[in-house]
Amino acid sequence: LRISEAIAQNLAFIDSSNASKYAE
């Protein structure tokens, strides 16, 4: 879970336009 959260955060940083989708 912690690793997946870090992945979501990194993807949101790189691709901010899809940040809400990564969080969802």
PDB file of all heavy atoms in Angstrom:
ATOM      1  N   LEU A   1       0.834  -1.208   0.000  1.00  0.00           N
ATOM      2  CA  LEU A   1       0.000   0.000   0.000  1.00  0.00           C
ATOM      3  C   LEU A   1       0.872   1.262   0.000  1.00  0.00           C
ATOM      4  O   LEU A   1       0.617   2.209  -0.760  1.00  0.00           O
ATOM      5  CB  LEU A   1      -0.926  -0.030   1.225  1.00  0.00           C
ATOM      6  CG  LEU A   1      -2.059   0.992   1.292  1.00  0.00           C
ATOM      7  CD1 LEU A   1      -3.172   0.453   2.182  1.00  0.00           C
ATOM      8  CD2 LEU A   1      -1.598   2.336   1.827  1.00  0.00           C
ATOM      9  N   ARG A   2       1.898   1.276   0.835  1.00  0.00           N
ATOM     10  CA  ARG A   2       2.778   2.450   0.912  1.00  0.00           C
ATOM     11  C   ARG A   2       3.513   2.678  -0.410  1.00  0.00           C
ATOM     12  O   ARG A   2       3.677   3.816  -0.860  1.00  0.00           O
ATOM     13  CB  ARG A   2       3.779   2.278   2.052  1.00  0.00           C
ATOM     14  CG  ARG A   2       3.136   2.204   3.429  1.00  0.00           C
ATOM     15  CD  ARG A   2       4.184   2.133   4.538  1.00  0.00           C
ATOM     16  NE  ARG A   2       3.569   1.999   5.847  1.00  0.00           N
ATOM     17  CZ  ARG A   2       3.456   0.849   6.512  1.00  0.00           C
ATOM     18  NH1 ARG A   2       3.920  -0.274   5.961  1.00  0.00           N
ATOM     19  NH2 ARG A   2       2.881   0.797   7.692  1.00  0.00           N
ATOM     20  N   ILE A   3       3.963   1.587  -1.022  1.00  0.00           N
ATOM     21  CA  ILE A   3       4.676   1.703  -2.296  1.00  0.00           C
ATOM     22  C   ILE A   3       3.730   2.193  -3.387  1.00  0.00           C
ATOM     23  O   ILE A   3       4.092   3.065  -4.197  1.00  0.00           O
ATOM     24  CB  ILE A   3       5.292   0.340  -2.686  1.00  0.00           C
ATOM     25  CG1 ILE A   3       6.377  -0.052  -1.677  1.00  0.00           C
ATOM     26  CG2 ILE A   3       5.883   0.395  -4.095  1.00  0.00           C
ATOM     27  CD1 ILE A   3       6.785  -1.514  -1.751  1.00  0.00           C
ATOM     28  N   SER A   4       2.523   1.683  -3.398  1.00  0.00           N
ATOM     29  CA  SER A   4       1.535   2.108  -4.393  1.00  0.00           C
ATOM     30  C   SER A   4       1.192   3.586  -4.229  1.00  0.00           C
ATOM     31  O   SER A   4       0.999   4.303  -5.221  1.00  0.00           O
ATOM     32  CB  SER A   4       0.264   1.260  -4.274  1.00  0.00           C
ATOM     33  OG  SER A   4       0.537  -0.095  -4.550  1.00  0.00           O
ATOM     34  N   GLU A   5       1.132   4.035  -2.993  1.00  0.00           N
ATOM     35  CA  GLU A   5       0.871   5.457  -2.756  1.00  0.00           C
ATOM     36  C   GLU A   5       2.016   6.313  -3.287  1.00  0.00           C
ATOM     37  O   GLU A   5       1.794   7.368  -3.902  1.00  0.00           O
ATOM     38  CB  GLU A   5       0.680   5.717  -1.260  1.00  0.00           C
ATOM     39  CG  GLU A   5       0.326   7.163  -0.933  1.00  0.00           C
ATOM     40  CD  GLU A   5       0.013   7.362   0.526  1.00  0.00           C
ATOM     41  OE1 GLU A   5       0.463   6.539   1.364  1.00  0.00           O
ATOM     42  OE2 GLU A   5      -0.691   8.337   0.851  1.00  0.00           O
ATOM     43  N   ALA A   6       3.255   5.860  -3.081  1.00  0.00           N
ATOM     44  CA  ALA A   6       4.406   6.600  -3.604  1.00  0.00           C
ATOM     45  C   ALA A   6       4.388   6.623  -5.130  1.00  0.00           C
ATOM     46  O   ALA A   6       4.747   7.636  -5.753  1.00  0.00           O
ATOM     47  CB  ALA A   6       5.704   5.954  -3.103  1.00  0.00           C
ATOM     48  N   ILE A   7       3.948   5.533  -5.741  1.00  0.00           N
ATOM     49  CA  ILE A   7       3.828   5.494  -7.199  1.00  0.00           C
ATOM     50  C   ILE A   7       2.793   6.504  -7.667  1.00  0.00           C
ATOM     51  O   ILE A   7       3.022   7.265  -8.621  1.00  0.00           O
ATOM     52  CB  ILE A   7       3.453   4.070  -7.668  1.00  0.00           C
ATOM     53  CG1 ILE A   7       4.650   3.128  -7.488  1.00  0.00           C
ATOM     54  CG2 ILE A   7       2.996   4.079  -9.128  1.00  0.00           C
ATOM     55  CD1 ILE A   7       4.321   1.664  -7.728  1.00  0.00           C
ATOM     56  N   ALA A   8       1.651   6.540  -6.997  1.00  0.00           N
ATOM     57  CA  ALA A   8       0.597   7.492  -7.361  1.00  0.00           C
ATOM     58  C   ALA A   8       1.090   8.929  -7.251  1.00  0.00           C
ATOM     59  O   ALA A   8       0.798   9.773  -8.112  1.00  0.00           O
ATOM     60  CB  ALA A   8      -0.626   7.279  -6.477  1.00  0.00           C
ATOM     61  N   GLN A   9       1.845   9.208  -6.210  1.00  0.00           N
ATOM     62  CA  GLN A   9       2.365  10.569  -6.012  1.00  0.00           C
ATOM     63  C   GLN A   9       3.358  10.944  -7.101  1.00  0.00           C
ATOM     64  O   GLN A   9       3.343  12.081  -7.603  1.00  0.00           O
ATOM     65  CB  GLN A   9       3.005  10.671  -4.630  1.00  0.00           C
ATOM     66  CG  GLN A   9       2.008  10.588  -3.485  1.00  0.00           C
ATOM     67  CD  GLN A   9       2.667  10.423  -2.126  1.00  0.00           C
ATOM     68  OE1 GLN A   9       3.867  10.125  -2.037  1.00  0.00           O
ATOM     69  NE2 GLN A   9       1.901  10.602  -1.064  1.00  0.00           N
ATOM     70  N   ASN A  10       4.213  10.024  -7.476  1.00  0.00           N
ATOM     71  CA  ASN A  10       5.193  10.292  -8.539  1.00  0.00           C
ATOM     72  C   ASN A  10       4.512  10.479  -9.885  1.00  0.00           C
ATOM     73  O   ASN A  10       4.881  11.370 -10.659  1.00  0.00           O
ATOM     74  CB  ASN A  10       6.221   9.160  -8.615  1.00  0.00           C
ATOM     75  CG  ASN A  10       7.371   9.347  -7.653  1.00  0.00           C
ATOM     76  OD1 ASN A  10       8.390   9.959  -7.990  1.00  0.00           O
ATOM     77  ND2 ASN A  10       7.219   8.833  -6.451  1.00  0.00           N
ATOM     78  N   LEU A  11       3.514   9.668 -10.174  1.00  0.00           N
ATOM     79  CA  LEU A  11       2.798   9.805 -11.437  1.00  0.00           C
ATOM     80  C   LEU A  11       2.050  11.132 -11.496  1.00  0.00           C
ATOM     81  O   LEU A  11       2.019  11.788 -12.544  1.00  0.00           O
ATOM     82  CB  LEU A  11       1.826   8.639 -11.625  1.00  0.00           C
ATOM     83  CG  LEU A  11       2.455   7.271 -11.851  1.00  0.00           C
ATOM     84  CD1 LEU A  11       1.383   6.189 -11.906  1.00  0.00           C
ATOM     85  CD2 LEU A  11       3.282   7.250 -13.128  1.00  0.00           C
ATOM     86  N   ALA A  12       1.476  11.537 -10.371  1.00  0.00           N
ATOM     87  CA  ALA A  12       0.756  12.816 -10.324  1.00  0.00           C
ATOM     88  C   ALA A  12       1.709  13.982 -10.523  1.00  0.00           C
ATOM     89  O   ALA A  12       1.350  14.992 -11.143  1.00  0.00           O
ATOM     90  CB  ALA A  12       0.019  12.948  -8.997  1.00  0.00           C
ATOM     91  N   PHE A  13       2.934  13.861 -10.018  1.00  0.00           N
ATOM     92  CA  PHE A  13       3.925  14.912 -10.195  1.00  0.00           C
ATOM     93  C   PHE A  13       4.325  15.037 -11.659  1.00  0.00           C
ATOM     94  O   PHE A  13       4.438  16.145 -12.200  1.00  0.00           O
ATOM     95  CB  PHE A  13       5.155  14.619  -9.337  1.00  0.00           C
ATOM     96  CG  PHE A  13       6.248  15.637  -9.469  1.00  0.00           C
ATOM     97  CD1 PHE A  13       6.229  16.790  -8.697  1.00  0.00           C
ATOM     98  CD2 PHE A  13       7.290  15.465 -10.376  1.00  0.00           C
ATOM     99  CE1 PHE A  13       7.234  17.748  -8.813  1.00  0.00           C
ATOM    100  CE2 PHE A  13       8.288  16.413 -10.510  1.00  0.00           C
ATOM    101  CZ  PHE A  13       8.262  17.563  -9.733  1.00  0.00           C
ATOM    102  N   ILE A  14       4.531  13.888 -12.301  1.00  0.00           N
ATOM    103  CA  ILE A  14       4.952  13.888 -13.705  1.00  0.00           C
ATOM    104  C   ILE A  14       3.812  14.303 -14.631  1.00  0.00           C
ATOM    105  O   ILE A  14       4.007  15.053 -15.592  1.00  0.00           O
ATOM    106  CB  ILE A  14       5.456  12.483 -14.092  1.00  0.00           C
ATOM    107  CG1 ILE A  14       6.712  12.130 -13.306  1.00  0.00           C
ATOM    108  CG2 ILE A  14       5.745  12.402 -15.604  1.00  0.00           C
ATOM    109  CD1 ILE A  14       7.107  10.677 -13.411  1.00  0.00           C
ATOM    110  N   ASP A  15       2.624  13.819 -14.317  1.00  0.00           N
ATOM    111  CA  ASP A  15       1.457  13.987 -15.187  1.00  0.00           C
ATOM    112  C   ASP A  15       0.338  14.639 -14.382  1.00  0.00           C
ATOM    113  O   ASP A  15      -0.672  14.010 -14.072  1.00  0.00           O
ATOM    114  CB  ASP A  15       1.039  12.610 -15.714  1.00  0.00           C
ATOM    115  CG  ASP A  15      -0.131  12.665 -16.675  1.00  0.00           C
ATOM    116  OD1 ASP A  15      -0.377  13.736 -17.256  1.00  0.00           O
ATOM    117  OD2 ASP A  15      -0.793  11.621 -16.842  1.00  0.00           O
ATOM    118  N   SER A  16       0.514  15.906 -14.050  1.00  0.00           N
ATOM    119  CA  SER A  16      -0.413  16.599 -13.151  1.00  0.00           C
ATOM    120  C   SER A  16      -1.831  16.682 -13.704  1.00  0.00           C
ATOM    121  O   SER A  16      -2.799  16.753 -12.943  1.00  0.00           O
ATOM    122  CB  SER A  16       0.107  17.997 -12.831  1.00  0.00           C
ATOM    123  OG  SER A  16       0.268  18.753 -14.019  1.00  0.00           O
ATOM    124  N   SER A  17      -1.978  16.653 -15.032  1.00  0.00           N
ATOM    125  CA  SER A  17      -3.316  16.758 -15.622  1.00  0.00           C
ATOM    126  C   SER A  17      -4.178  15.543 -15.275  1.00  0.00           C
ATOM    127  O   SER A  17      -5.409  15.612 -15.317  1.00  0.00           O
ATOM    128  CB  SER A  17      -3.218  16.901 -17.142  1.00  0.00           C
ATOM    129  OG  SER A  17      -2.632  15.756 -17.728  1.00  0.00           O
ATOM    130  N   ASN A  18      -3.541  14.434 -14.915  1.00  0.00           N
ATOM    131  CA  ASN A  18      -4.278  13.224 -14.537  1.00  0.00           C
ATOM    132  C   ASN A  18      -4.137  12.896 -13.053  1.00  0.00           C
ATOM    133  O   ASN A  18      -4.422  11.770 -12.636  1.00  0.00           O
ATOM    134  CB  ASN A  18      -3.793  12.037 -15.368  1.00  0.00           C
ATOM    135  CG  ASN A  18      -4.286  12.082 -16.794  1.00  0.00           C
ATOM    136  OD1 ASN A  18      -5.481  12.251 -17.042  1.00  0.00           O
ATOM    137  ND2 ASN A  18      -3.376  11.958 -17.750  1.00  0.00           N
ATOM    138  N   ALA A  19      -3.719  13.865 -12.258  1.00  0.00           N
ATOM    139  CA  ALA A  19      -3.465  13.625 -10.835  1.00  0.00           C
ATOM    140  C   ALA A  19      -4.696  13.080 -10.120  1.00  0.00           C
ATOM    141  O   ALA A  19      -4.599  12.168  -9.280  1.00  0.00           O
ATOM    142  CB  ALA A  19      -2.987  14.905 -10.166  1.00  0.00           C
ATOM    143  N   SER A  20      -5.862  13.618 -10.423  1.00  0.00           N
ATOM    144  CA  SER A  20      -7.086  13.165  -9.745  1.00  0.00           C
ATOM    145  C   SER A  20      -7.404  11.713 -10.091  1.00  0.00           C
ATOM    146  O   SER A  20      -7.911  10.962  -9.240  1.00  0.00           O
ATOM    147  CB  SER A  20      -8.262  14.065 -10.110  1.00  0.00           C
ATOM    148  OG  SER A  20      -8.516  14.037 -11.499  1.00  0.00           O
ATOM    149  N   LYS A  21      -7.099  11.315 -11.312  1.00  0.00           N
ATOM    150  CA  LYS A  21      -7.358   9.932 -11.722  1.00  0.00           C
ATOM    151  C   LYS A  21      -6.413   8.969 -11.012  1.00  0.00           C
ATOM    152  O   LYS A  21      -6.833   7.888 -10.568  1.00  0.00           O
ATOM    153  CB  LYS A  21      -7.198   9.804 -13.243  1.00  0.00           C
ATOM    154  CG  LYS A  21      -7.565   8.431 -13.778  1.00  0.00           C
ATOM    155  CD  LYS A  21      -9.024   8.091 -13.527  1.00  0.00           C
ATOM    156  CE  LYS A  21      -9.398   6.751 -14.150  1.00  0.00           C
ATOM    157  NZ  LYS A  21     -10.796   6.371 -13.841  1.00  0.00           N
ATOM    158  N   TYR A  22      -5.131   9.368 -10.887  1.00  0.00           N
ATOM    159  CA  TYR A  22      -4.186   8.522 -10.156  1.00  0.00           C
ATOM    160  C   TYR A  22      -4.619   8.369  -8.700  1.00  0.00           C
ATOM    161  O   TYR A  22      -4.539   7.277  -8.127  1.00  0.00           O
ATOM    162  CB  TYR A  22      -2.776   9.100 -10.229  1.00  0.00           C
ATOM    163  CG  TYR A  22      -2.199   9.158 -11.623  1.00  0.00           C
ATOM    164  CD1 TYR A  22      -1.629  10.331 -12.113  1.00  0.00           C
ATOM    165  CD2 TYR A  22      -2.222   8.040 -12.463  1.00  0.00           C
ATOM    166  CE1 TYR A  22      -1.094  10.397 -13.398  1.00  0.00           C
ATOM    167  CE2 TYR A  22      -1.700   8.098 -13.745  1.00  0.00           C
ATOM    168  CZ  TYR A  22      -1.141   9.277 -14.200  1.00  0.00           C
ATOM    169  OH  TYR A  22      -0.629   9.328 -15.477  1.00  0.00           O
ATOM    170  N   ALA A  23      -5.082   9.448  -8.108  1.00  0.00           N
ATOM    171  CA  ALA A  23      -5.549   9.408  -6.719  1.00  0.00           C
ATOM    172  C   ALA A  23      -6.776   8.509  -6.580  1.00  0.00           C
ATOM    173  O   ALA A  23      -6.883   7.718  -5.631  1.00  0.00           O
ATOM    174  CB  ALA A  23      -5.866  10.817  -6.231  1.00  0.00           C
ATOM    175  N   GLU A  24      -7.683   8.613  -7.533  1.00  0.00           N
ATOM    176  CA  GLU A  24      -8.888   7.787  -7.523  1.00  0.00           C
ATOM    177  C   GLU A  24      -8.538   6.306  -7.643  1.00  0.00           C
ATOM    178  O   GLU A  24      -9.067   5.460  -6.910  1.00  0.00           O
ATOM    179  CB  GLU A  24      -9.806   8.211  -8.670  1.00  0.00           C
ATOM    180  CG  GLU A  24     -11.095   7.405  -8.787  1.00  0.00           C
ATOM    181  CD  GLU A  24     -11.915   7.811 -10.002  1.00  0.00           C
ATOM    182  OE1 GLU A  24     -11.711   8.924 -10.526  1.00  0.00           O
ATOM    183  OE2 GLU A  24     -12.757   6.986 -10.439  1.00  0.00           O
TER     184      GLU A  24
END
